Amino acid sequence: MLDKSVRCDGCGAEAWVSVKKTVEDVKKQLDFCAHHYNANSIILHAEGWAISADERELINTKPSVSANAD
């Protein structure tokens, strides 16, 4: 489960998708906001990245940090 502290590796926004891949016995993980995952999903899958968490269905069902800003 991703929490609000997990940020997109592309832009720093809240991450909704996490992908993983093992390269030469080293486990790698990337986290993405929905926009950056959607923009890169084809290439990620072609390169062997697998989704380890996908919480896009929760977008707009819980308040974002910016929605609570003063």
N, C-alpha and C. Protein backbone atom coordinates (compact mmCIF):
# COMPACT_ATOMS: atom_id res chain seq x y z
N MET A 1 0.85 -1.18 0.00
CA MET A 1 0.00 0.00 0.00
C MET A 1 0.89 1.24 0.00
N LEU A 2 0.55 2.17 -0.86
CA LEU A 2 1.30 3.42 -0.94
C LEU A 2 0.65 4.44 -0.01
N ASP A 3 1.47 5.20 0.70
CA ASP A 3 0.91 6.27 1.52
C ASP A 3 1.34 7.62 0.96
N LYS A 4 0.85 8.68 1.56
CA LYS A 4 1.10 10.02 1.04
C LYS A 4 2.57 10.41 1.01
N SER A 5 3.41 9.72 1.79
CA SER A 5 4.83 10.06 1.80
C SER A 5 5.58 9.51 0.59
N VAL A 6 4.96 8.56 -0.14
CA VAL A 6 5.60 8.01 -1.34
C VAL A 6 5.35 8.97 -2.49
N ARG A 7 6.43 9.43 -3.11
CA ARG A 7 6.33 10.46 -4.13
C ARG A 7 6.74 9.93 -5.50
N CYS A 8 6.23 10.56 -6.53
CA CYS A 8 6.55 10.21 -7.92
C CYS A 8 8.02 10.50 -8.19
N ASP A 9 8.71 9.52 -8.77
CA ASP A 9 10.12 9.72 -9.12
C ASP A 9 10.27 10.68 -10.30
N GLY A 10 9.19 10.95 -11.01
CA GLY A 10 9.24 11.87 -12.15
C GLY A 10 9.04 13.32 -11.79
N CYS A 11 8.13 13.58 -10.81
CA CYS A 11 7.78 14.98 -10.54
C CYS A 11 7.63 15.33 -9.07
N GLY A 12 7.59 14.34 -8.20
CA GLY A 12 7.46 14.61 -6.77
C GLY A 12 6.03 14.65 -6.26
N ALA A 13 5.05 14.44 -7.13
CA ALA A 13 3.64 14.40 -6.70
C ALA A 13 3.38 13.09 -5.97
N GLU A 14 2.21 12.97 -5.36
CA GLU A 14 1.85 11.73 -4.68
C GLU A 14 1.88 10.56 -5.67
N ALA A 15 2.51 9.47 -5.26
CA ALA A 15 2.62 8.29 -6.13
C ALA A 15 1.38 7.42 -5.99
N TRP A 16 0.92 6.90 -7.12
CA TRP A 16 -0.24 6.02 -7.16
C TRP A 16 0.11 4.64 -7.70
N VAL A 17 1.27 4.52 -8.37
CA VAL A 17 1.68 3.25 -8.95
C VAL A 17 3.15 3.01 -8.60
N SER A 18 3.44 1.80 -8.19
CA SER A 18 4.82 1.40 -7.90
C SER A 18 5.16 0.21 -8.80
N VAL A 19 6.33 0.24 -9.42
CA VAL A 19 6.77 -0.85 -10.27
C VAL A 19 8.11 -1.37 -9.76
N LYS A 20 8.39 -2.64 -10.04
CA LYS A 20 9.64 -3.22 -9.57
C LYS A 20 10.26 -4.09 -10.65
N LYS A 21 11.57 -4.27 -10.50
CA LYS A 21 12.34 -5.07 -11.46
C LYS A 21 13.62 -5.51 -10.77
N THR A 22 14.06 -6.71 -11.04
CA THR A 22 15.33 -7.19 -10.51
C THR A 22 16.34 -7.23 -11.64
N VAL A 23 17.46 -6.55 -11.42
CA VAL A 23 18.53 -6.49 -12.40
C VAL A 23 19.81 -6.96 -11.73
N GLU A 24 20.37 -8.06 -12.24
CA GLU A 24 21.60 -8.63 -11.69
C GLU A 24 21.50 -8.79 -10.17
N ASP A 25 20.42 -9.39 -9.71
CA ASP A 25 20.16 -9.67 -8.29
C ASP A 25 19.94 -8.41 -7.45
N VAL A 26 19.76 -7.27 -8.07
CA VAL A 26 19.48 -6.02 -7.35
C VAL A 26 18.02 -5.65 -7.61
N LYS A 27 17.25 -5.54 -6.52
CA LYS A 27 15.84 -5.18 -6.65
C LYS A 27 15.73 -3.66 -6.81
N LYS A 28 15.01 -3.25 -7.84
CA LYS A 28 14.81 -1.82 -8.11
C LYS A 28 13.33 -1.52 -8.04
N GLN A 29 13.01 -0.30 -7.62
CA GLN A 29 11.62 0.12 -7.53
C GLN A 29 11.51 1.56 -8.00
N LEU A 30 10.44 1.83 -8.75
CA LEU A 30 10.11 3.18 -9.17
C LEU A 30 8.68 3.47 -8.76
N ASP A 31 8.43 4.70 -8.36
CA ASP A 31 7.09 5.13 -7.97
C ASP A 31 6.65 6.27 -8.88
N PHE A 32 5.36 6.24 -9.27
CA PHE A 32 4.86 7.21 -10.22
C PHE A 32 3.50 7.77 -9.82
N CYS A 33 3.28 9.04 -10.14
CA CYS A 33 1.92 9.58 -10.10
C CYS A 33 1.19 8.94 -11.28
N ALA A 34 -0.12 9.08 -11.34
CA ALA A 34 -0.88 8.45 -12.42
C ALA A 34 -0.45 8.98 -13.78
N HIS A 35 -0.20 10.28 -13.87
CA HIS A 35 0.19 10.89 -15.14
C HIS A 35 1.49 10.28 -15.67
N HIS A 36 2.52 10.23 -14.84
CA HIS A 36 3.81 9.71 -15.31
C HIS A 36 3.78 8.20 -15.53
N TYR A 37 2.98 7.46 -14.77
CA TYR A 37 2.85 6.03 -15.05
C TYR A 37 2.17 5.84 -16.41
N ASN A 38 1.06 6.54 -16.64
CA ASN A 38 0.34 6.40 -17.91
C ASN A 38 1.23 6.78 -19.09
N ALA A 39 2.06 7.80 -18.92
CA ALA A 39 2.93 8.25 -20.00
C ALA A 39 4.06 7.26 -20.29
N ASN A 40 4.44 6.46 -19.31
CA ASN A 40 5.59 5.57 -19.46
C ASN A 40 5.26 4.08 -19.37
N SER A 41 4.00 3.72 -19.21
CA SER A 41 3.65 2.32 -18.95
C SER A 41 4.09 1.35 -20.05
N ILE A 42 3.96 1.73 -21.28
CA ILE A 42 4.33 0.83 -22.38
C ILE A 42 5.81 0.51 -22.34
N ILE A 43 6.62 1.51 -22.16
CA ILE A 43 8.08 1.30 -22.11
C ILE A 43 8.48 0.54 -20.86
N LEU A 44 7.84 0.82 -19.73
CA LEU A 44 8.16 0.11 -18.49
C LEU A 44 7.89 -1.39 -18.64
N HIS A 45 6.74 -1.73 -19.18
CA HIS A 45 6.40 -3.14 -19.37
C HIS A 45 7.32 -3.80 -20.40
N ALA A 46 7.68 -3.07 -21.46
CA ALA A 46 8.59 -3.61 -22.47
C ALA A 46 9.96 -3.89 -21.87
N GLU A 47 10.35 -3.11 -20.87
CA GLU A 47 11.65 -3.30 -20.23
C GLU A 47 11.60 -4.26 -19.04
N GLY A 48 10.44 -4.88 -18.81
CA GLY A 48 10.33 -5.90 -17.78
C GLY A 48 9.94 -5.42 -16.40
N TRP A 49 9.50 -4.18 -16.26
CA TRP A 49 9.03 -3.69 -14.95
C TRP A 49 7.65 -4.27 -14.69
N ALA A 50 7.40 -4.69 -13.45
CA ALA A 50 6.11 -5.26 -13.06
C ALA A 50 5.46 -4.36 -12.01
N ILE A 51 4.16 -4.22 -12.08
CA ILE A 51 3.43 -3.41 -11.10
C ILE A 51 3.42 -4.14 -9.76
N SER A 52 3.86 -3.45 -8.72
CA SER A 52 3.80 -4.03 -7.37
C SER A 52 2.68 -3.40 -6.55
N ALA A 53 2.24 -2.21 -6.95
CA ALA A 53 1.10 -1.55 -6.30
C ALA A 53 0.46 -0.61 -7.31
N ASP A 54 -0.85 -0.66 -7.40
CA ASP A 54 -1.59 0.23 -8.30
C ASP A 54 -2.83 0.72 -7.56
N GLU A 55 -2.80 1.96 -7.15
CA GLU A 55 -3.90 2.53 -6.38
C GLU A 55 -4.61 3.66 -7.11
N ARG A 56 -4.53 3.64 -8.43
CA ARG A 56 -5.18 4.70 -9.21
C ARG A 56 -6.68 4.75 -9.00
N GLU A 57 -7.29 3.61 -8.63
CA GLU A 57 -8.74 3.63 -8.38
C GLU A 57 -9.10 4.48 -7.17
N LEU A 58 -8.11 4.82 -6.35
CA LEU A 58 -8.37 5.64 -5.16
C LEU A 58 -8.24 7.14 -5.42
N ILE A 59 -7.80 7.51 -6.61
CA ILE A 59 -7.66 8.93 -6.93
C ILE A 59 -9.03 9.59 -6.78
N ASN A 60 -9.04 10.70 -6.10
CA ASN A 60 -10.24 11.51 -5.83
C ASN A 60 -11.19 10.87 -4.82
N THR A 61 -10.80 9.75 -4.20
CA THR A 61 -11.64 9.18 -3.14
C THR A 61 -11.12 9.56 -1.76
N LYS A 62 -9.90 10.09 -1.72
CA LYS A 62 -9.35 10.59 -0.46
C LYS A 62 -8.76 11.97 -0.74
N PRO A 63 -8.82 12.87 0.23
CA PRO A 63 -8.31 14.22 -0.01
C PRO A 63 -6.81 14.22 -0.26
N SER A 64 -6.37 15.04 -1.19
CA SER A 64 -4.95 15.19 -1.45
C SER A 64 -4.38 16.21 -0.47
N VAL A 65 -3.06 16.23 -0.37
CA VAL A 65 -2.41 17.19 0.51
C VAL A 65 -2.77 18.61 0.10
N SER A 66 -2.78 18.88 -1.21
CA SER A 66 -3.08 20.23 -1.68
C SER A 66 -4.52 20.63 -1.39
N ALA A 67 -5.43 19.67 -1.33
CA ALA A 67 -6.83 19.99 -1.04
C ALA A 67 -7.00 20.49 0.39
N ASN A 68 -6.06 20.16 1.26
CA ASN A 68 -6.14 20.59 2.65
C ASN A 68 -5.27 21.78 2.96
N ALA A 69 -4.65 22.36 1.94
CA ALA A 69 -3.76 23.50 2.16
C ALA A 69 -4.58 24.71 2.60
N ASP A 70 -3.97 25.49 3.46
CA ASP A 70 -4.64 26.73 3.93
C ASP A 70 -4.47 27.86 2.95
